[in-house]
């Protein structure tokens, strides 16, 4: 199955082969035609042997609690999709994040959690990173993303742009 969620399910299936305690949650707002797509994903999950190993939860209001209780967040957005805020929120809650290098989340990880960066569409790398992060305690160096730091960086960028000919 194509798409990022299909890839996530493939990575989850790969991970489950080695561990009995792995489970995946798919969280996000559904669009009007997403019910058919979610059903296709559910069937694909069954084909991969993931019955009882993945839940499709839809939009949630309790993300902070989910981040705090999760062992890892997998953020598999398309290139430059605005997903960096979710990664920052999870990291701030102490939840390790895995993301593609060419995403906003990957840019966040490059600054404070580079071990979570994986190459796009590499199922083995995704699975190995997730398993490694669930097997050990991870210290997250969350810096440079506080509001005052971001404001300073933005102002400095504007000054640089104004100084260019």
Protein backbone atom coordinates (compact mmCIF):
# COMPACT_ATOMS: atom_id res chain seq x y z
CA UNK A 1 0.00 0.00 0.00
CA UNK A 2 1.28 3.44 -0.93
CA UNK A 3 1.47 6.44 1.34
CA UNK A 4 3.03 7.27 4.65
CA UNK A 5 0.49 5.34 6.71
CA UNK A 6 1.06 2.25 4.57
CA UNK A 7 4.77 2.65 5.20
CA UNK A 8 4.13 3.06 8.94
CA UNK A 9 2.16 -0.20 8.94
CA UNK A 10 5.00 -1.96 7.11
CA UNK A 11 7.47 -0.69 9.71
CA UNK A 12 5.17 -1.77 12.52
CA UNK A 13 4.84 -5.25 10.99
CA UNK A 14 8.62 -5.48 10.71
CA UNK A 15 9.00 -4.44 14.36
CA UNK A 16 6.35 -6.85 15.63
CA UNK A 17 8.29 -9.80 14.23
CA UNK A 18 10.92 -9.33 16.90
CA UNK A 19 8.78 -8.13 19.80
CA UNK A 20 5.44 -9.12 21.27
CA UNK A 21 4.92 -5.86 23.19
CA UNK A 22 4.77 -3.48 20.22
CA UNK A 23 1.59 -1.60 19.34
CA UNK A 24 0.94 1.32 17.01
CA UNK A 25 -1.54 4.18 17.23
CA UNK A 26 -2.57 6.16 14.15
CA UNK A 27 -3.78 9.57 15.24
CA UNK A 28 -5.07 12.41 13.10
CA UNK A 29 -8.07 14.33 11.88
CA UNK A 30 -10.13 12.54 9.27
CA UNK A 31 -11.24 14.25 6.10
CA UNK A 32 -14.63 13.58 4.49
CA UNK A 33 -13.40 10.70 2.27
CA UNK A 34 -10.99 9.26 4.82
CA UNK A 35 -13.35 6.55 6.04
CA UNK A 36 -12.72 4.53 2.85
CA UNK A 37 -8.98 5.11 3.19
CA UNK A 38 -9.02 4.09 6.87
CA UNK A 39 -10.87 0.91 5.92
CA UNK A 40 -8.19 0.16 3.30
CA UNK A 41 -5.53 0.72 5.96
CA UNK A 42 -7.34 -1.62 8.34
CA UNK A 43 -7.46 -4.32 5.66
CA UNK A 44 -3.79 -3.76 4.87
CA UNK A 45 -2.98 -4.05 8.59
CA UNK A 46 -4.80 -7.40 8.62
CA UNK A 47 -2.79 -8.56 5.58
CA UNK A 48 0.40 -7.67 7.46
CA UNK A 49 -0.72 -9.66 10.51
CA UNK A 50 -1.28 -6.61 12.70
CA UNK A 51 -4.67 -7.55 14.15
CA UNK A 52 -4.82 -6.12 17.66
CA UNK A 53 -1.49 -4.32 17.13
CA UNK A 54 -2.69 -1.05 15.63
CA UNK A 55 -5.50 1.32 16.53
CA UNK A 56 -6.87 4.11 14.34
CA UNK A 57 -7.91 6.80 16.82
CA UNK A 58 -8.77 9.83 14.68
CA UNK A 59 -8.38 13.35 16.09
CA UNK A 60 -7.53 13.59 19.79
CA UNK A 61 -7.63 16.29 22.43
CA UNK A 62 -5.33 14.41 24.82
CA UNK A 63 -2.10 14.48 22.82
CA UNK A 64 -0.04 15.62 25.79
CA UNK A 65 -1.09 12.52 27.71
CA UNK A 66 -0.45 10.28 24.71
CA UNK A 67 3.04 11.73 24.22
CA UNK A 68 3.81 11.30 27.91
CA UNK A 69 2.73 7.66 27.90
CA UNK A 70 4.25 6.64 24.55
CA UNK A 71 7.67 5.15 24.06
CA UNK A 72 8.21 6.75 20.67
CA UNK A 73 6.41 9.05 18.21
CA UNK A 74 6.80 8.22 14.53
CA UNK A 75 6.22 11.29 12.38
CA UNK A 76 6.20 10.28 8.70
CA UNK A 77 5.04 13.44 6.99
CA UNK A 78 5.56 14.35 3.37
CA UNK A 79 8.50 16.65 2.62
CA UNK A 80 8.16 20.06 4.26
CA UNK A 81 4.70 19.35 5.63
CA UNK A 82 4.22 21.40 8.81
CA UNK A 83 4.74 18.64 11.39
CA UNK A 84 7.54 20.11 13.48
CA UNK A 85 5.20 21.32 16.22
CA UNK A 86 4.05 17.76 16.98
CA UNK A 87 7.65 16.61 17.20
CA UNK A 88 8.56 19.48 19.53
CA UNK A 89 5.56 18.76 21.76
CA UNK A 90 6.45 15.07 22.03
CA UNK A 91 10.12 15.84 22.74
CA UNK A 92 9.11 18.35 25.41
CA UNK A 93 7.07 15.57 27.06
CA UNK A 94 10.13 13.29 27.01
CA UNK A 95 8.87 11.12 24.16
CA UNK A 96 11.53 10.27 21.55
CA UNK A 97 10.61 11.05 17.94
CA UNK A 98 11.45 9.36 14.65
CA UNK A 99 11.06 11.42 11.48
CA UNK A 100 12.33 11.76 7.94
CA UNK A 101 15.25 14.10 7.40
CA UNK A 102 13.39 16.16 4.75
CA UNK A 103 10.51 17.18 7.03
CA UNK A 104 9.98 19.95 9.54
CA UNK A 105 10.13 17.30 12.28
CA UNK A 106 13.45 16.11 10.84
CA UNK A 107 14.75 19.66 11.04
CA UNK A 108 13.74 19.81 14.71
CA UNK A 109 15.43 16.46 15.37
CA UNK A 110 18.64 17.61 13.70
CA UNK A 111 18.97 20.19 16.49
CA UNK A 112 18.09 18.13 19.53
CA UNK A 113 17.58 14.43 18.77
CA UNK A 114 19.51 13.34 15.64
CA UNK A 115 19.25 9.63 16.48
CA UNK A 116 15.57 9.88 15.54
CA UNK A 117 16.23 10.81 11.90
CA UNK A 118 15.64 8.06 9.33
CA UNK A 119 15.86 7.94 5.55
CA UNK A 120 12.57 8.18 3.70
CA UNK A 121 10.92 4.84 2.88
CA UNK A 122 13.52 2.68 4.64
CA UNK A 123 11.34 0.21 6.57
CA UNK A 124 14.29 -1.49 8.23
CA UNK A 125 15.77 1.81 9.44
CA UNK A 126 12.39 2.90 10.81
CA UNK A 127 11.87 -0.37 12.64
CA UNK A 128 15.42 -0.56 13.99
CA UNK A 129 15.26 3.03 15.26
CA UNK A 130 11.90 2.41 16.95
CA UNK A 131 13.09 -0.80 18.57
CA UNK A 132 16.34 0.80 19.73
CA UNK A 133 14.47 3.73 21.27
CA UNK A 134 12.04 1.47 23.11
CA UNK A 135 14.87 -0.66 24.49
CA UNK A 136 16.72 2.08 26.36
CA UNK A 137 16.21 5.28 28.27
CA UNK A 138 16.78 8.25 26.04
CA UNK A 139 17.99 11.67 27.13
CA UNK A 140 16.57 14.40 24.96
CA UNK A 141 18.55 17.64 24.73
CA UNK A 142 15.62 19.92 24.02
CA UNK A 143 17.06 23.37 23.38
CA UNK A 144 16.72 26.29 21.00
CA UNK A 145 12.98 25.85 20.71
CA UNK A 146 11.70 27.96 23.55
CA UNK A 147 9.63 30.98 22.52
CA UNK A 148 12.33 33.53 23.37
CA UNK A 149 14.93 31.53 21.38
CA UNK A 150 12.61 31.25 18.39
CA UNK A 151 11.79 34.97 18.48
CA UNK A 152 15.51 35.83 18.56
CA UNK A 153 16.20 33.49 15.63
CA UNK A 154 13.34 34.98 13.63
CA UNK A 155 14.42 38.57 14.30
CA UNK A 156 18.02 37.71 13.37
CA UNK A 157 16.81 36.13 10.12
CA UNK A 158 14.82 39.27 9.26
CA UNK A 159 17.89 41.43 9.96
CA UNK A 160 19.98 39.22 7.67
CA UNK A 161 17.39 39.47 4.91
CA UNK A 162 17.15 43.26 5.25
CA UNK A 163 20.95 43.60 5.07
CA UNK A 164 21.14 41.75 1.73
CA UNK A 165 21.32 43.81 -1.47
